[in-house]
All heavy atoms as atom14 arrays in JSON, in Angstrom:
{
  "sequence": "THAHYDDEAFDQDRDLLLKSMKDNNIEYVINVAASLKSV",
  "atom14_mask": [
    [1, 1, 1, 1, 1, 1, 1, 0, 0, 0, 0, 0, 0, 0],
    [1, 1, 1, 1, 1, 1, 1, 1, 1, 1, 0, 0, 0, 0],
    [1, 1, 1, 1, 1, 0, 0, 0, 0, 0, 0, 0, 0, 0],
    [1, 1, 1, 1, 1, 1, 1, 1, 1, 1, 0, 0, 0, 0],
    [1, 1, 1, 1, 1, 1, 1, 1, 1, 1, 1, 1, 0, 0],
    [1, 1, 1, 1, 1, 1, 1, 1, 0, 0, 0, 0, 0, 0],
    [1, 1, 1, 1, 1, 1, 1, 1, 0, 0, 0, 0, 0, 0],
    [1, 1, 1, 1, 1, 1, 1, 1, 1, 0, 0, 0, 0, 0],
    [1, 1, 1, 1, 1, 0, 0, 0, 0, 0, 0, 0, 0, 0],
    [1, 1, 1, 1, 1, 1, 1, 1, 1, 1, 1, 0, 0, 0],
    [1, 1, 1, 1, 1, 1, 1, 1, 0, 0, 0, 0, 0, 0],
    [1, 1, 1, 1, 1, 1, 1, 1, 1, 0, 0, 0, 0, 0],
    [1, 1, 1, 1, 1, 1, 1, 1, 0, 0, 0, 0, 0, 0],
    [1, 1, 1, 1, 1, 1, 1, 1, 1, 1, 1, 0, 0, 0],
    [1, 1, 1, 1, 1, 1, 1, 1, 0, 0, 0, 0, 0, 0],
    [1, 1, 1, 1, 1, 1, 1, 1, 0, 0, 0, 0, 0, 0],
    [1, 1, 1, 1, 1, 1, 1, 1, 0, 0, 0, 0, 0, 0],
    [1, 1, 1, 1, 1, 1, 1, 1, 0, 0, 0, 0, 0, 0],
    [1, 1, 1, 1, 1, 1, 1, 1, 1, 0, 0, 0, 0, 0],
    [1, 1, 1, 1, 1, 1, 0, 0, 0, 0, 0, 0, 0, 0],
    [1, 1, 1, 1, 1, 1, 1, 1, 0, 0, 0, 0, 0, 0],
    [1, 1, 1, 1, 1, 1, 1, 1, 1, 0, 0, 0, 0, 0],
    [1, 1, 1, 1, 1, 1, 1, 1, 0, 0, 0, 0, 0, 0],
    [1, 1, 1, 1, 1, 1, 1, 1, 0, 0, 0, 0, 0, 0],
    [1, 1, 1, 1, 1, 1, 1, 1, 0, 0, 0, 0, 0, 0],
    [1, 1, 1, 1, 1, 1, 1, 1, 0, 0, 0, 0, 0, 0],
    [1, 1, 1, 1, 1, 1, 1, 1, 1, 0, 0, 0, 0, 0],
    [1, 1, 1, 1, 1, 1, 1, 1, 1, 1, 1, 1, 0, 0],
    [1, 1, 1, 1, 1, 1, 1, 0, 0, 0, 0, 0, 0, 0],
    [1, 1, 1, 1, 1, 1, 1, 1, 0, 0, 0, 0, 0, 0],
    [1, 1, 1, 1, 1, 1, 1, 1, 0, 0, 0, 0, 0, 0],
    [1, 1, 1, 1, 1, 1, 1, 0, 0, 0, 0, 0, 0, 0],
    [1, 1, 1, 1, 1, 0, 0, 0, 0, 0, 0, 0, 0, 0],
    [1, 1, 1, 1, 1, 0, 0, 0, 0, 0, 0, 0, 0, 0],
    [1, 1, 1, 1, 1, 1, 0, 0, 0, 0, 0, 0, 0, 0],
    [1, 1, 1, 1, 1, 1, 1, 1, 0, 0, 0, 0, 0, 0],
    [1, 1, 1, 1, 1, 1, 1, 1, 1, 0, 0, 0, 0, 0],
    [1, 1, 1, 1, 1, 1, 0, 0, 0, 0, 0, 0, 0, 0],
    [1, 1, 1, 1, 1, 1, 1, 0, 0, 0, 0, 0, 0, 0]
  ],
  "atom14_positions": [
    [[85.64, 81.58, 122.27], [84.57, 82.07, 121.43], [83.28, 81.92, 122.13], [82.17, 82.22, 121.48], [84.51, 81.15, 120.23], [84.3, 79.72, 120.6], [85.86, 81.17, 119.39], [0.0, 0.0, 0.0], [0.0, 0.0, 0.0], [0.0, 0.0, 0.0], [0.0, 0.0, 0.0], [0.0, 0.0, 0.0], [0.0, 0.0, 0.0], [0.0, 0.0, 0.0]],
    [[83.24, 81.46, 123.29], [82.03, 81.31, 124.18], [82.19, 81.46, 125.56], [82.56, 80.61, 126.3], [81.29, 79.89, 123.82], [79.94, 79.99, 124.26], [78.89, 79.5, 123.42], [79.29, 80.15, 125.26], [77.72, 79.49, 123.97], [77.91, 79.98, 125.15], [0.0, 0.0, 0.0], [0.0, 0.0, 0.0], [0.0, 0.0, 0.0], [0.0, 0.0, 0.0]],
    [[81.88, 82.67, 126.05], [82.08, 82.98, 127.49], [80.84, 83.8, 128.02], [80.09, 84.32, 127.26], [83.3, 83.8, 127.68], [0.0, 0.0, 0.0], [0.0, 0.0, 0.0], [0.0, 0.0, 0.0], [0.0, 0.0, 0.0], [0.0, 0.0, 0.0], [0.0, 0.0, 0.0], [0.0, 0.0, 0.0], [0.0, 0.0, 0.0], [0.0, 0.0, 0.0]],
    [[80.66, 83.77, 129.35], [79.54, 84.48, 129.97], [80.24, 85.24, 131.16], [79.71, 85.07, 132.36], [78.5, 83.55, 130.5], [77.83, 82.8, 129.31], [76.86, 83.37, 128.45], [77.94, 81.5, 129.0], [76.45, 82.52, 127.56], [77.02, 81.38, 127.84], [0.0, 0.0, 0.0], [0.0, 0.0, 0.0], [0.0, 0.0, 0.0], [0.0, 0.0, 0.0]],
    [[81.0, 86.13, 130.9], [81.87, 86.83, 132.01], [80.86, 87.86, 132.59], [81.34, 88.54, 133.7], [83.17, 87.41, 131.49], [84.16, 86.27, 131.18], [84.63, 86.18, 130.0], [84.49, 85.33, 132.29], [85.55, 85.27, 129.61], [85.5, 84.4, 131.87], [85.94, 84.34, 130.74], [86.98, 83.26, 130.33], [0.0, 0.0, 0.0], [0.0, 0.0, 0.0]],
    [[79.79, 88.2, 132.02], [78.87, 89.07, 132.74], [77.97, 88.34, 133.83], [77.25, 89.05, 134.57], [77.81, 89.75, 131.7], [77.01, 88.65, 130.9], [77.71, 87.58, 130.67], [75.93, 88.85, 130.66], [0.0, 0.0, 0.0], [0.0, 0.0, 0.0], [0.0, 0.0, 0.0], [0.0, 0.0, 0.0], [0.0, 0.0, 0.0], [0.0, 0.0, 0.0]],
    [[78.12, 86.96, 133.92], [77.45, 86.23, 134.98], [77.84, 86.79, 136.41], [79.02, 87.18, 136.7], [77.73, 84.81, 134.79], [76.86, 83.95, 135.72], [77.26, 83.77, 136.91], [75.79, 83.46, 135.28], [0.0, 0.0, 0.0], [0.0, 0.0, 0.0], [0.0, 0.0, 0.0], [0.0, 0.0, 0.0], [0.0, 0.0, 0.0], [0.0, 0.0, 0.0]],
    [[76.96, 86.83, 137.36], [77.15, 87.16, 138.63], [78.2, 86.38, 139.4], [78.95, 86.85, 140.37], [75.88, 87.14, 139.5], [75.29, 85.74, 139.71], [74.05, 85.65, 140.53], [73.53, 86.79, 140.73], [73.59, 84.67, 140.77], [0.0, 0.0, 0.0], [0.0, 0.0, 0.0], [0.0, 0.0, 0.0], [0.0, 0.0, 0.0], [0.0, 0.0, 0.0]],
    [[78.63, 85.32, 138.86], [79.66, 84.43, 139.47], [81.0, 85.17, 139.28], [81.91, 84.86, 140.06], [79.78, 82.97, 138.82], [0.0, 0.0, 0.0], [0.0, 0.0, 0.0], [0.0, 0.0, 0.0], [0.0, 0.0, 0.0], [0.0, 0.0, 0.0], [0.0, 0.0, 0.0], [0.0, 0.0, 0.0], [0.0, 0.0, 0.0], [0.0, 0.0, 0.0]],
    [[81.11, 86.04, 138.41], [82.38, 86.8, 138.19], [82.34, 88.27, 138.93], [83.18, 89.09, 138.58], [82.72, 86.97, 136.78], [82.86, 85.67, 136.12], [81.88, 85.05, 135.38], [84.13, 84.91, 136.16], [82.11, 83.8, 134.72], [84.21, 83.67, 135.58], [83.22, 83.12, 134.94], [0.0, 0.0, 0.0], [0.0, 0.0, 0.0], [0.0, 0.0, 0.0]],
    [[81.31, 88.55, 139.62], [81.19, 89.86, 140.2], [82.41, 90.29, 141.01], [82.86, 91.5, 141.13], [79.88, 90.02, 141.1], [78.64, 90.18, 140.21], [78.75, 90.29, 138.93], [77.53, 90.03, 140.72], [0.0, 0.0, 0.0], [0.0, 0.0, 0.0], [0.0, 0.0, 0.0], [0.0, 0.0, 0.0], [0.0, 0.0, 0.0], [0.0, 0.0, 0.0]],
    [[82.98, 89.35, 141.87], [84.03, 89.64, 142.76], [85.36, 90.07, 142.08], [86.22, 90.8, 142.56], [84.14, 88.6, 143.77], [82.93, 88.25, 144.64], [82.62, 89.55, 145.43], [83.46, 90.3, 145.94], [81.28, 89.89, 145.4], [0.0, 0.0, 0.0], [0.0, 0.0, 0.0], [0.0, 0.0, 0.0], [0.0, 0.0, 0.0], [0.0, 0.0, 0.0]],
    [[85.61, 89.27, 140.84], [86.99, 89.45, 140.24], [86.97, 89.68, 138.76], [87.92, 89.3, 138.02], [87.8, 88.27, 140.65], [87.13, 86.96, 140.14], [86.12, 86.98, 139.65], [87.78, 85.88, 140.23], [0.0, 0.0, 0.0], [0.0, 0.0, 0.0], [0.0, 0.0, 0.0], [0.0, 0.0, 0.0], [0.0, 0.0, 0.0], [0.0, 0.0, 0.0]],
    [[85.74, 90.0, 138.2], [85.64, 90.08, 136.77], [86.71, 90.99, 136.12], [87.37, 90.69, 135.2], [84.23, 90.8, 136.45], [83.93, 90.77, 135.0], [82.65, 91.36, 134.75], [81.5, 90.41, 135.15], [80.79, 90.73, 136.23], [81.0, 91.87, 136.95], [79.87, 89.87, 136.55], [0.0, 0.0, 0.0], [0.0, 0.0, 0.0], [0.0, 0.0, 0.0]],
    [[86.88, 92.26, 136.67], [87.82, 93.18, 136.0], [89.19, 92.57, 136.07], [90.0, 92.68, 135.06], [87.81, 94.47, 136.83], [88.72, 95.52, 136.14], [88.42, 95.98, 135.14], [89.6, 96.11, 136.9], [0.0, 0.0, 0.0], [0.0, 0.0, 0.0], [0.0, 0.0, 0.0], [0.0, 0.0, 0.0], [0.0, 0.0, 0.0], [0.0, 0.0, 0.0]],
    [[89.63, 92.01, 137.23], [91.04, 91.45, 137.25], [91.18, 90.27, 136.39], [92.21, 90.15, 135.69], [91.22, 90.95, 138.75], [92.55, 90.27, 139.01], [93.67, 91.31, 138.9], [92.6, 89.68, 140.49], [0.0, 0.0, 0.0], [0.0, 0.0, 0.0], [0.0, 0.0, 0.0], [0.0, 0.0, 0.0], [0.0, 0.0, 0.0], [0.0, 0.0, 0.0]],
    [[90.11, 89.36, 136.24], [90.07, 88.32, 135.35], [90.34, 88.72, 133.88], [91.13, 88.35, 133.11], [88.87, 87.41, 135.39], [88.76, 86.21, 134.46], [89.83, 85.23, 134.83], [87.41, 85.65, 134.74], [0.0, 0.0, 0.0], [0.0, 0.0, 0.0], [0.0, 0.0, 0.0], [0.0, 0.0, 0.0], [0.0, 0.0, 0.0], [0.0, 0.0, 0.0]],
    [[89.54, 89.65, 133.44], [89.52, 90.12, 132.03], [90.78, 90.8, 131.7], [91.34, 90.85, 130.55], [88.3, 91.02, 131.67], [86.96, 90.19, 131.69], [85.74, 91.16, 131.61], [87.09, 89.25, 130.58], [0.0, 0.0, 0.0], [0.0, 0.0, 0.0], [0.0, 0.0, 0.0], [0.0, 0.0, 0.0], [0.0, 0.0, 0.0], [0.0, 0.0, 0.0]],
    [[91.29, 91.53, 132.68], [92.54, 92.3, 132.43], [93.76, 91.32, 132.32], [94.74, 91.77, 131.72], [92.77, 93.34, 133.55], [91.85, 94.67, 133.33], [92.16, 95.68, 134.4], [91.33, 96.84, 134.18], [91.46, 97.84, 135.23], [0.0, 0.0, 0.0], [0.0, 0.0, 0.0], [0.0, 0.0, 0.0], [0.0, 0.0, 0.0], [0.0, 0.0, 0.0]],
    [[93.65, 90.21, 132.9], [94.79, 89.22, 132.98], [94.73, 88.26, 131.72], [95.63, 87.44, 131.62], [94.62, 88.46, 134.22], [93.57, 87.58, 134.17], [0.0, 0.0, 0.0], [0.0, 0.0, 0.0], [0.0, 0.0, 0.0], [0.0, 0.0, 0.0], [0.0, 0.0, 0.0], [0.0, 0.0, 0.0], [0.0, 0.0, 0.0], [0.0, 0.0, 0.0]],
    [[93.71, 88.44, 130.84], [93.61, 87.52, 129.87], [94.84, 87.31, 128.9], [95.26, 86.28, 128.62], [92.42, 87.91, 128.89], [91.06, 87.6, 129.64], [90.7, 85.95, 129.72], [89.11, 85.96, 130.45], [0.0, 0.0, 0.0], [0.0, 0.0, 0.0], [0.0, 0.0, 0.0], [0.0, 0.0, 0.0], [0.0, 0.0, 0.0], [0.0, 0.0, 0.0]],
    [[95.44, 88.46, 128.37], [96.46, 88.38, 127.51], [97.75, 87.84, 128.24], [98.54, 87.15, 127.46], [96.74, 89.69, 126.85], [95.53, 90.12, 125.85], [96.03, 91.29, 124.98], [94.91, 91.51, 123.84], [95.36, 92.54, 122.92], [0.0, 0.0, 0.0], [0.0, 0.0, 0.0], [0.0, 0.0, 0.0], [0.0, 0.0, 0.0], [0.0, 0.0, 0.0]],
    [[97.85, 88.16, 129.49], [99.0, 87.57, 130.14], [98.93, 86.09, 130.37], [99.94, 85.37, 130.61], [99.12, 88.28, 131.65], [99.5, 89.68, 131.41], [100.02, 90.15, 130.45], [99.19, 90.49, 132.51], [0.0, 0.0, 0.0], [0.0, 0.0, 0.0], [0.0, 0.0, 0.0], [0.0, 0.0, 0.0], [0.0, 0.0, 0.0], [0.0, 0.0, 0.0]],
    [[97.81, 85.58, 130.16], [97.47, 84.09, 130.21], [97.11, 83.44, 128.86], [96.54, 82.52, 128.78], [96.44, 83.94, 131.19], [96.84, 84.07, 132.64], [97.39, 83.29, 133.2], [96.37, 85.13, 133.14], [0.0, 0.0, 0.0], [0.0, 0.0, 0.0], [0.0, 0.0, 0.0], [0.0, 0.0, 0.0], [0.0, 0.0, 0.0], [0.0, 0.0, 0.0]],
    [[97.72, 84.2, 127.82], [97.64, 83.53, 126.53], [96.34, 83.6, 125.77], [95.97, 82.83, 124.93], [98.1, 82.11, 126.48], [99.02, 81.8, 125.36], [99.77, 82.7, 124.81], [99.0, 80.63, 124.84], [0.0, 0.0, 0.0], [0.0, 0.0, 0.0], [0.0, 0.0, 0.0], [0.0, 0.0, 0.0], [0.0, 0.0, 0.0], [0.0, 0.0, 0.0]],
    [[95.33, 84.49, 126.26], [94.05, 84.56, 125.77], [93.99, 85.98, 125.0], [94.01, 87.0, 125.7], [92.84, 84.35, 126.72], [93.07, 83.02, 127.4], [91.66, 84.57, 126.08], [92.15, 82.76, 128.53], [0.0, 0.0, 0.0], [0.0, 0.0, 0.0], [0.0, 0.0, 0.0], [0.0, 0.0, 0.0], [0.0, 0.0, 0.0], [0.0, 0.0, 0.0]],
    [[93.87, 85.83, 123.7], [93.9, 87.09, 122.88], [92.6, 87.79, 122.86], [92.45, 89.03, 122.88], [94.55, 86.86, 121.62], [94.8, 88.12, 120.77], [95.72, 87.83, 119.54], [95.87, 86.65, 119.19], [96.35, 88.77, 118.95], [0.0, 0.0, 0.0], [0.0, 0.0, 0.0], [0.0, 0.0, 0.0], [0.0, 0.0, 0.0], [0.0, 0.0, 0.0]],
    [[91.54, 86.91, 122.53], [90.15, 87.5, 122.23], [89.14, 86.69, 123.05], [89.36, 85.56, 123.12], [89.89, 87.59, 120.83], [90.78, 88.48, 119.96], [91.59, 87.85, 119.1], [90.67, 89.82, 120.19], [92.49, 88.75, 118.3], [91.62, 90.68, 119.35], [92.52, 90.08, 118.48], [93.46, 90.94, 117.6], [0.0, 0.0, 0.0], [0.0, 0.0, 0.0]],
    [[88.1, 87.43, 123.27], [86.93, 86.72, 124.08], [85.61, 87.18, 123.37], [85.45, 88.36, 123.17], [86.84, 87.07, 125.51], [85.58, 86.47, 126.14], [88.17, 86.59, 126.2], [0.0, 0.0, 0.0], [0.0, 0.0, 0.0], [0.0, 0.0, 0.0], [0.0, 0.0, 0.0], [0.0, 0.0, 0.0], [0.0, 0.0, 0.0], [0.0, 0.0, 0.0]],
    [[84.57, 86.23, 123.06], [83.42, 86.6, 122.72], [82.43, 86.4, 123.9], [82.22, 85.14, 124.36], [82.79, 85.86, 121.57], [83.71, 86.3, 120.33], [81.33, 86.17, 121.14], [83.3, 85.48, 119.07], [0.0, 0.0, 0.0], [0.0, 0.0, 0.0], [0.0, 0.0, 0.0], [0.0, 0.0, 0.0], [0.0, 0.0, 0.0], [0.0, 0.0, 0.0]],
    [[81.87, 87.32, 124.48], [80.85, 87.07, 125.58], [79.46, 86.95, 124.9], [79.03, 87.94, 124.28], [80.9, 88.39, 126.55], [80.49, 88.01, 127.95], [81.17, 87.41, 128.77], [79.22, 88.23, 128.23], [0.0, 0.0, 0.0], [0.0, 0.0, 0.0], [0.0, 0.0, 0.0], [0.0, 0.0, 0.0], [0.0, 0.0, 0.0], [0.0, 0.0, 0.0]],
    [[78.86, 85.77, 125.2], [77.54, 85.46, 124.54], [76.52, 85.8, 125.47], [76.35, 85.43, 126.52], [77.76, 83.94, 124.13], [76.56, 83.62, 123.37], [78.96, 83.59, 123.31], [0.0, 0.0, 0.0], [0.0, 0.0, 0.0], [0.0, 0.0, 0.0], [0.0, 0.0, 0.0], [0.0, 0.0, 0.0], [0.0, 0.0, 0.0], [0.0, 0.0, 0.0]],
    [[75.58, 86.47, 124.82], [74.3, 86.88, 125.6], [73.35, 85.62, 125.56], [73.34, 84.84, 124.76], [73.68, 88.04, 124.83], [0.0, 0.0, 0.0], [0.0, 0.0, 0.0], [0.0, 0.0, 0.0], [0.0, 0.0, 0.0], [0.0, 0.0, 0.0], [0.0, 0.0, 0.0], [0.0, 0.0, 0.0], [0.0, 0.0, 0.0], [0.0, 0.0, 0.0]],
    [[72.52, 85.6, 126.57], [71.44, 84.66, 126.83], [70.15, 85.22, 126.97], [69.14, 84.41, 126.89], [71.88, 83.71, 127.81], [0.0, 0.0, 0.0], [0.0, 0.0, 0.0], [0.0, 0.0, 0.0], [0.0, 0.0, 0.0], [0.0, 0.0, 0.0], [0.0, 0.0, 0.0], [0.0, 0.0, 0.0], [0.0, 0.0, 0.0], [0.0, 0.0, 0.0]],
    [[69.99, 86.46, 127.32], [68.73, 87.13, 127.51], [68.94, 88.54, 127.24], [69.91, 89.03, 126.8], [68.53, 86.99, 129.1], [69.43, 87.8, 129.85], [0.0, 0.0, 0.0], [0.0, 0.0, 0.0], [0.0, 0.0, 0.0], [0.0, 0.0, 0.0], [0.0, 0.0, 0.0], [0.0, 0.0, 0.0], [0.0, 0.0, 0.0], [0.0, 0.0, 0.0]],
    [[67.79, 89.35, 127.15], [67.83, 90.68, 126.88], [68.67, 91.47, 127.9], [69.47, 92.4, 127.49], [66.37, 91.3, 126.94], [65.49, 90.82, 125.75], [64.08, 91.31, 126.02], [66.07, 91.27, 124.42], [0.0, 0.0, 0.0], [0.0, 0.0, 0.0], [0.0, 0.0, 0.0], [0.0, 0.0, 0.0], [0.0, 0.0, 0.0], [0.0, 0.0, 0.0]],
    [[68.7, 91.08, 129.17], [69.61, 91.71, 130.12], [71.05, 91.51, 129.83], [71.88, 92.37, 129.82], [69.3, 91.13, 131.6], [70.22, 91.77, 132.57], [69.85, 91.17, 133.94], [70.72, 91.81, 135.05], [70.59, 91.08, 136.42], [0.0, 0.0, 0.0], [0.0, 0.0, 0.0], [0.0, 0.0, 0.0], [0.0, 0.0, 0.0], [0.0, 0.0, 0.0]],
    [[71.34, 90.23, 129.39], [72.74, 89.91, 129.15], [73.24, 90.45, 127.72], [74.39, 90.64, 127.49], [73.07, 88.47, 129.22], [72.26, 87.69, 128.26], [0.0, 0.0, 0.0], [0.0, 0.0, 0.0], [0.0, 0.0, 0.0], [0.0, 0.0, 0.0], [0.0, 0.0, 0.0], [0.0, 0.0, 0.0], [0.0, 0.0, 0.0], [0.0, 0.0, 0.0]],
    [[72.27, 90.83, 126.85], [72.6, 91.65, 125.64], [73.43, 92.93, 126.12], [74.4, 93.26, 125.53], [71.34, 91.8, 124.75], [71.7, 92.85, 123.62], [70.85, 90.57, 124.07], [0.0, 0.0, 0.0], [0.0, 0.0, 0.0], [0.0, 0.0, 0.0], [0.0, 0.0, 0.0], [0.0, 0.0, 0.0], [0.0, 0.0, 0.0], [0.0, 0.0, 0.0]]
  ]
}
């Protein structure tokens, strides 16, 4: 319920990570904004 996968720390593997969620037992994610840019 609280993630920040838009953060630059995930730039290298973001797509791979998010696509692997259900295979790792994670059904839903809420990416929480913190600024206008992250909205």
